[in-house]
Amino acid sequence: MVSNHASTQTFPVSMDAFLQQVERKGYRMAEMALGSHADALDVLQEAMTKLVIHYSDKPCEQWKPLFYKILQNAIRDWQRQQKLKNMLFFWRNQDSDDEMDWPDNADSPLSEPDEQWAKAEQQAQSLTVLKALPTQQQQCFLLRSWEGLSVKETADVMGCSEGSVKTHYSRAVAKLKVVLEGQDDKG
């Protein structure tokens, strides 16, 4: 049975509640794309500020796609600026050793230490693959899987066609599936 996601979705009552709802996932998306905690926070803050300033008068059901579109644009702008900076200041190395934590799994404790280790290993490998994906595949996967946006909403957020969203998503899923199937073969 196919459920109508839009009809069961609840919307926040205030802009503050909405921002609290998307803050963590927005940060994770920006951090994966940018590879830096500080830069991710800056981009997230910029996206949230623009949403509040320019779109707080819009109906609350429009906030989520608007926020992610603003966030995507902010990520792309940051990447363009970095590319220019790196071309101008090629000697400057900005590698970051910050490691991103995988979302908490406290709600689903595993019974055996071996299972916990295997799950942590699988998550680490999946995260490595996710971070290594081209930005459009990575962001498409996060918007569709983490945020549950439709193909149409994702296309609007990313500024591409619905066909491109389907392609980016299927490629990302295929690469992650290889990691997950590899783990199943080891077990």
Protein backbone atom coordinates (compact mmCIF):
# COMPACT_ATOMS: atom_id res chain seq x y z
CA MET A 1 0.00 0.00 0.00
CA VAL A 2 1.32 3.40 -0.94
CA SER A 3 0.81 6.09 1.66
CA ASN A 4 0.36 9.71 0.85
CA HIS A 5 3.34 11.22 2.67
CA ALA A 6 2.09 14.77 2.26
CA SER A 7 -1.26 14.10 3.93
CA THR A 8 0.29 12.55 7.05
CA GLN A 9 3.01 15.14 7.41
CA THR A 10 2.69 17.55 10.31
CA PHE A 11 3.97 21.06 10.00
CA PRO A 12 5.57 23.13 12.76
CA VAL A 13 3.51 25.89 14.27
CA SER A 14 6.26 28.49 14.34
CA MET A 15 9.41 29.37 12.45
CA ASP A 16 11.45 28.65 15.61
CA ALA A 17 10.00 25.14 15.84
CA PHE A 18 10.71 24.55 12.16
CA LEU A 19 14.33 25.71 12.47
CA GLN A 20 14.85 23.42 15.45
CA GLN A 21 13.36 20.57 13.42
CA VAL A 22 15.75 20.99 10.45
CA GLU A 23 18.85 22.31 12.18
CA ARG A 24 20.64 19.00 12.79
CA LYS A 25 19.92 17.51 9.37
CA GLY A 26 20.77 20.77 7.63
CA TYR A 27 24.07 20.86 9.51
CA ARG A 28 24.85 17.25 8.57
CA MET A 29 24.16 17.95 4.91
CA ALA A 30 26.35 21.04 4.89
CA GLU A 31 29.14 19.32 6.83
CA MET A 32 29.18 16.39 4.43
CA ALA A 33 29.30 18.67 1.42
CA LEU A 34 31.85 21.10 2.85
CA GLY A 35 33.94 18.83 5.06
CA SER A 36 34.30 21.41 7.80
CA HIS A 37 32.38 21.93 11.02
CA ALA A 38 32.89 25.70 11.08
CA ASP A 39 32.00 26.19 7.42
CA ALA A 40 28.91 24.00 7.80
CA LEU A 41 27.75 26.10 10.74
CA ASP A 42 28.29 29.30 8.76
CA VAL A 43 26.39 28.02 5.74
CA LEU A 44 23.58 26.66 7.93
CA GLN A 45 23.26 29.97 9.76
CA GLU A 46 23.19 31.84 6.46
CA ALA A 47 20.44 29.56 5.10
CA MET A 48 18.35 29.87 8.26
CA THR A 49 18.74 33.63 8.34
CA LYS A 50 17.70 33.99 4.69
CA LEU A 51 14.67 31.79 5.28
CA VAL A 52 13.54 33.89 8.23
CA ILE A 53 14.18 37.23 6.53
CA HIS A 54 12.71 36.43 3.14
CA TYR A 55 10.17 33.64 3.65
CA SER A 56 8.75 33.68 7.19
CA ASP A 57 5.50 35.07 5.77
CA LYS A 58 5.06 32.01 3.51
CA PRO A 59 2.81 29.11 4.59
CA CYS A 60 4.65 26.69 6.88
CA GLU A 61 4.26 23.77 4.46
CA GLN A 62 6.52 25.68 2.03
CA TRP A 63 9.34 26.23 4.55
CA LYS A 64 11.02 22.83 4.19
CA PRO A 65 11.58 22.92 0.40
CA LEU A 66 12.49 26.62 0.61
CA PHE A 67 15.01 25.99 3.39
CA TYR A 68 16.73 23.17 1.55
CA LYS A 69 16.84 25.17 -1.68
CA ILE A 70 18.47 28.07 0.19
CA LEU A 71 20.88 25.63 1.88
CA GLN A 72 21.81 24.03 -1.45
CA ASN A 73 22.49 27.44 -2.97
CA ALA A 74 24.58 28.46 0.03
CA ILE A 75 26.62 25.23 -0.24
CA ARG A 76 27.20 25.80 -3.97
CA ASP A 77 28.18 29.43 -3.36
CA TRP A 78 30.63 28.38 -0.65
CA GLN A 79 32.15 25.73 -2.92
CA ARG A 80 32.57 28.26 -5.73
CA GLN A 81 34.21 30.73 -3.36
CA GLN A 82 36.56 28.03 -2.07
CA LYS A 83 37.48 27.00 -5.60
CA LEU A 84 38.38 30.60 -6.40
CA LYS A 85 40.33 31.00 -3.15
CA ASN A 86 42.19 27.77 -3.80
CA MET A 87 43.09 28.91 -7.30
CA LEU A 88 44.35 32.24 -5.98
CA PHE A 89 46.02 30.87 -2.87
CA PHE A 90 47.08 27.42 -4.02
CA TRP A 91 49.66 27.05 -1.25
CA ARG A 92 47.05 27.29 1.46
CA ASN A 93 46.03 23.84 2.69
CA GLN A 94 42.63 23.74 4.38
CA ASP A 95 42.36 20.06 5.22
CA SER A 96 40.08 19.40 8.15
CA ASP A 97 40.53 16.57 10.59
CA ASP A 98 37.05 17.07 12.00
CA GLU A 99 35.15 13.82 12.02
CA MET A 100 31.41 13.82 11.68
CA ASP A 101 29.42 11.69 14.09
CA TRP A 102 26.86 9.37 12.60
CA PRO A 103 23.34 10.09 13.89
CA ASP A 104 22.72 8.63 17.32
CA ASN A 105 21.50 5.04 17.51
CA ALA A 106 20.52 5.20 21.19
CA ASP A 107 16.94 4.26 20.33
CA SER A 108 17.95 0.89 18.89
CA PRO A 109 20.56 -0.77 21.10
CA LEU A 110 22.03 -3.99 19.74
CA SER A 111 22.24 -7.01 21.98
CA GLU A 112 25.71 -8.26 21.15
CA PRO A 113 29.05 -6.41 21.11
CA ASP A 114 29.86 -8.07 17.77
CA GLU A 115 26.62 -6.72 16.32
CA GLN A 116 27.40 -3.25 17.67
CA TRP A 117 30.87 -3.36 16.14
CA ALA A 118 29.50 -4.60 12.79
CA LYS A 119 26.87 -1.87 12.76
CA ALA A 120 29.45 0.81 13.59
CA GLU A 121 31.74 -0.54 10.87
CA GLN A 122 28.92 -0.53 8.33
CA GLN A 123 27.94 3.02 9.28
CA ALA A 124 31.54 4.21 9.02
CA GLN A 125 31.93 2.64 5.58
CA SER A 126 28.57 4.02 4.42
CA LEU A 127 29.52 7.46 5.67
CA THR A 128 32.86 7.26 3.85
CA VAL A 129 31.06 6.34 0.63
CA LEU A 130 28.46 9.07 1.19
CA LYS A 131 31.15 11.70 1.77
CA ALA A 132 32.99 10.55 -1.37
CA LEU A 133 29.94 10.85 -3.62
CA PRO A 134 29.79 13.78 -6.01
CA THR A 135 28.01 16.67 -4.27
CA GLN A 136 24.83 16.41 -6.33
CA GLN A 137 24.47 12.66 -5.64
CA GLN A 138 25.24 13.19 -1.96
CA GLN A 139 22.78 16.05 -1.51
CA CYS A 140 20.10 14.30 -3.57
CA PHE A 141 20.42 11.19 -1.42
CA LEU A 142 20.18 13.21 1.80
CA LEU A 143 17.20 15.24 0.63
CA ARG A 144 15.31 12.17 -0.53
CA SER A 145 16.31 9.71 2.23
CA TRP A 146 16.83 11.87 5.32
CA GLU A 147 14.31 14.57 4.61
CA GLY A 148 11.78 12.56 2.66
CA LEU A 149 11.36 15.19 -0.03
CA SER A 150 9.60 14.06 -3.18
CA VAL A 151 11.37 13.85 -6.53
CA LYS A 152 9.65 17.07 -7.56
CA GLU A 153 10.58 18.91 -4.34
CA THR A 154 14.17 17.67 -4.58
CA ALA A 155 14.40 18.81 -8.21
CA ASP A 156 13.15 22.24 -7.20
CA VAL A 157 15.58 22.46 -4.28
CA MET A 158 18.55 21.35 -6.36
CA GLY A 159 17.59 23.38 -9.42
CA CYS A 160 17.61 20.41 -11.80
CA SER A 161 15.13 18.18 -13.62
CA GLU A 162 13.21 15.36 -11.97
CA GLY A 163 15.06 12.95 -14.26
CA SER A 164 18.39 14.23 -12.90
CA VAL A 165 17.16 13.72 -9.35
CA LYS A 166 16.22 10.12 -10.16
CA THR A 167 19.63 9.53 -11.76
CA HIS A 168 21.61 11.12 -8.90
CA TYR A 169 19.58 9.22 -6.32
CA SER A 170 19.86 5.84 -8.02
CA ARG A 171 23.62 6.22 -8.45
CA ALA A 172 24.06 7.17 -4.80
CA VAL A 173 21.91 4.26 -3.65
CA ALA A 174 23.83 1.86 -5.91
CA LYS A 175 27.17 2.93 -4.41
CA LEU A 176 25.86 2.65 -0.85
CA LYS A 177 24.25 -0.71 -1.63
CA VAL A 178 27.66 -2.12 -2.63
CA VAL A 179 28.97 -1.24 0.84
CA LEU A 180 25.95 -2.73 2.59
CA GLU A 181 26.02 -5.92 0.54
CA GLY A 182 29.74 -6.25 1.20
CA GLN A 183 28.99 -6.20 4.92
CA ASP A 184 26.33 -8.89 4.52
CA ASP A 185 28.84 -11.11 2.72
CA LYS A 186 31.25 -10.83 5.65
CA GLY A 187 28.61 -11.84 8.20
